[in-house]
Amino acid sequence: MAEYRNPKPTVDVIIELPDDRIVVIRRRNPPHGWALPGGFVDEGEPLWRAAVREAAEETGLAVTLTAQLHTYSAPDRDPRHHTVSTVFIGQAKGTPKAGDDAAQVMTCALGDWPHMAFDHEQILADYEVYRETGRRPAPDR
């Protein structure tokens, strides 16, 4: 009998800083590359709390969530296994510092980020549209 496998729930956070920049991290673990702060949801943990925790662990910032952008669920979005990520937008003040799974952290102006891991370039493109128009991605994204 085949083992039944479910997608793993994750969260990602677009952290907005007062200078209209966002925070990205360089991943310490494979798959390497630049990404939004985020990670896996712990058992018994609400999505919003996982987002705040992951942001703090990876950037050292206390984030106040302001919106939920979208949930991304393409089976190939993570090369390790099928994940479903709920993406939040949050605000923070201060200077980010890399921690936990983040080897490096930097801030980027809107539209001026490095090549991103996973589907984070699509997420950031959707975020730009949301910032400009208030429209979130369609449910079939």
Protein backbone atom coordinates (compact mmCIF):
# COMPACT_ATOMS: atom_id res chain seq x y z
CA MET A 1 0.00 0.00 0.00
CA ALA A 2 1.36 3.43 -0.97
CA GLU A 3 2.10 5.97 1.73
CA TYR A 4 -0.30 8.91 1.69
CA ARG A 5 1.62 12.19 1.53
CA ASN A 6 0.24 15.66 2.10
CA PRO A 7 1.78 18.97 1.06
CA LYS A 8 3.70 20.69 3.85
CA PRO A 9 2.30 24.06 5.05
CA THR A 10 4.70 26.99 4.95
CA VAL A 11 4.56 30.76 5.31
CA ASP A 12 6.52 33.56 3.66
CA VAL A 13 6.61 37.22 4.68
CA ILE A 14 7.14 40.32 2.58
CA ILE A 15 8.60 42.64 5.20
CA GLU A 16 8.13 46.32 4.38
CA LEU A 17 10.51 48.80 6.02
CA PRO A 18 9.77 52.52 6.55
CA ASP A 19 12.14 53.50 3.72
CA ASP A 20 9.87 51.63 1.25
CA ARG A 21 12.30 48.71 0.95
CA ILE A 22 11.65 45.02 1.55
CA VAL A 23 13.79 42.40 3.29
CA VAL A 24 15.18 39.31 1.54
CA ILE A 25 17.45 36.58 2.86
CA ARG A 26 20.14 34.37 1.34
CA ARG A 27 19.30 30.80 2.38
CA ARG A 28 21.84 28.97 4.52
CA ASN A 29 20.46 25.52 3.56
CA PRO A 30 19.56 23.95 0.21
CA PRO A 31 18.02 25.02 -1.99
CA HIS A 32 20.38 27.98 -1.81
CA GLY A 33 19.61 31.42 -3.15
CA TRP A 34 17.76 34.57 -2.19
CA ALA A 35 14.25 34.21 -0.79
CA LEU A 36 11.59 35.86 1.28
CA PRO A 37 11.85 35.15 5.00
CA GLY A 38 9.67 32.18 5.88
CA GLY A 39 9.52 28.52 6.66
CA PHE A 40 7.49 25.59 7.88
CA VAL A 41 4.48 25.87 10.15
CA ASP A 42 4.86 23.97 13.43
CA GLU A 43 2.12 21.60 14.56
CA GLY A 44 -0.48 23.52 16.58
CA GLU A 45 0.75 26.89 15.28
CA PRO A 46 -1.56 29.33 13.46
CA LEU A 47 -0.26 30.57 10.11
CA TRP A 48 0.04 34.18 11.24
CA ARG A 49 2.09 33.20 14.28
CA ALA A 50 4.40 31.05 12.14
CA ALA A 51 4.95 34.05 9.84
CA VAL A 52 5.87 36.36 12.73
CA ARG A 53 8.14 33.68 14.26
CA GLU A 54 9.97 32.87 11.01
CA ALA A 55 10.48 36.55 10.21
CA ALA A 56 11.97 37.15 13.66
CA GLU A 57 14.20 34.05 13.52
CA GLU A 58 15.62 34.88 10.08
CA THR A 59 15.82 38.69 10.23
CA GLY A 60 15.77 39.66 13.91
CA LEU A 61 12.83 41.98 13.20
CA ALA A 62 9.55 42.16 15.10
CA VAL A 63 7.00 42.15 12.29
CA THR A 64 3.43 43.40 12.46
CA LEU A 65 1.36 41.63 9.80
CA THR A 66 -0.85 43.93 7.74
CA ALA A 67 -2.31 41.66 5.05
CA GLN A 68 -2.43 38.18 3.62
CA LEU A 69 -1.41 38.40 -0.03
CA HIS A 70 -2.18 34.93 -1.38
CA THR A 71 -1.63 31.19 -0.92
CA TYR A 72 0.69 29.53 -3.46
CA SER A 73 0.36 25.81 -4.01
CA ALA A 74 1.97 24.75 -7.30
CA PRO A 75 3.33 21.23 -6.67
CA ASP A 76 6.74 22.21 -8.14
CA ARG A 77 7.20 25.48 -6.20
CA ASP A 78 9.75 23.83 -3.89
CA PRO A 79 12.21 21.33 -5.41
CA ARG A 80 12.38 19.31 -2.15
CA HIS A 81 8.68 18.42 -1.90
CA HIS A 82 5.19 19.82 -2.38
CA THR A 83 4.62 22.85 -0.13
CA VAL A 84 1.70 25.21 0.22
CA SER A 85 2.76 28.70 1.26
CA THR A 86 0.54 31.42 2.63
CA VAL A 87 2.24 34.75 1.99
CA PHE A 88 1.79 37.64 4.39
CA ILE A 89 2.74 41.30 4.15
CA GLY A 90 4.12 42.88 7.29
CA GLN A 91 5.86 45.98 8.51
CA ALA A 92 8.92 46.34 10.72
CA LYS A 93 11.40 48.93 11.90
CA GLY A 94 15.08 48.49 12.55
CA THR A 95 18.05 46.91 10.87
CA PRO A 96 17.62 43.29 9.82
CA LYS A 97 20.26 40.80 10.94
CA ALA A 98 20.65 37.32 9.46
CA GLY A 99 19.83 34.46 11.80
CA ASP A 100 18.64 30.85 11.90
CA ASP A 101 18.27 29.62 8.28
CA ALA A 102 19.41 32.95 6.81
CA ALA A 103 23.09 33.20 5.90
CA GLN A 104 22.73 36.83 4.80
CA VAL A 105 20.05 39.50 4.74
CA MET A 106 19.61 42.61 2.62
CA THR A 107 16.99 45.18 1.77
CA CYS A 108 15.76 45.92 -1.74
CA ALA A 109 13.78 48.66 -3.40
CA LEU A 110 10.50 47.67 -4.98
CA GLY A 111 11.26 45.82 -8.22
CA ASP A 112 15.02 45.73 -7.57
CA TRP A 113 15.57 42.34 -5.95
CA PRO A 114 18.05 39.61 -6.87
CA HIS A 115 17.14 36.38 -8.63
CA MET A 116 14.91 34.58 -6.14
CA ALA A 117 14.56 30.90 -5.16
CA PHE A 118 11.32 28.93 -5.32
CA ASP A 119 8.45 30.95 -6.83
CA HIS A 120 9.40 34.09 -4.91
CA GLU A 121 9.91 36.18 -8.06
CA GLN A 122 6.27 35.49 -8.98
CA ILE A 123 5.20 36.31 -5.42
CA LEU A 124 7.05 39.63 -5.58
CA ALA A 125 5.56 40.41 -9.00
CA ASP A 126 2.11 39.75 -7.52
CA TYR A 127 3.02 41.97 -4.57
CA GLU A 128 3.95 44.82 -6.93
CA VAL A 129 0.54 44.54 -8.62
CA TYR A 130 -1.14 44.49 -5.21
CA ARG A 131 0.76 47.62 -4.14
CA GLU A 132 -0.17 49.45 -7.34
CA THR A 133 -3.80 48.33 -7.72
CA GLY A 134 -4.97 46.62 -4.51
CA ARG A 135 -5.68 43.45 -6.53
CA ARG A 136 -4.55 40.11 -5.22
CA PRO A 137 -3.67 37.18 -7.51
CA ALA A 138 -6.51 35.12 -8.97
CA PRO A 139 -7.35 31.90 -7.10
CA ASP A 140 -5.94 29.76 -9.92
CA ARG A 141 -2.37 31.07 -9.43
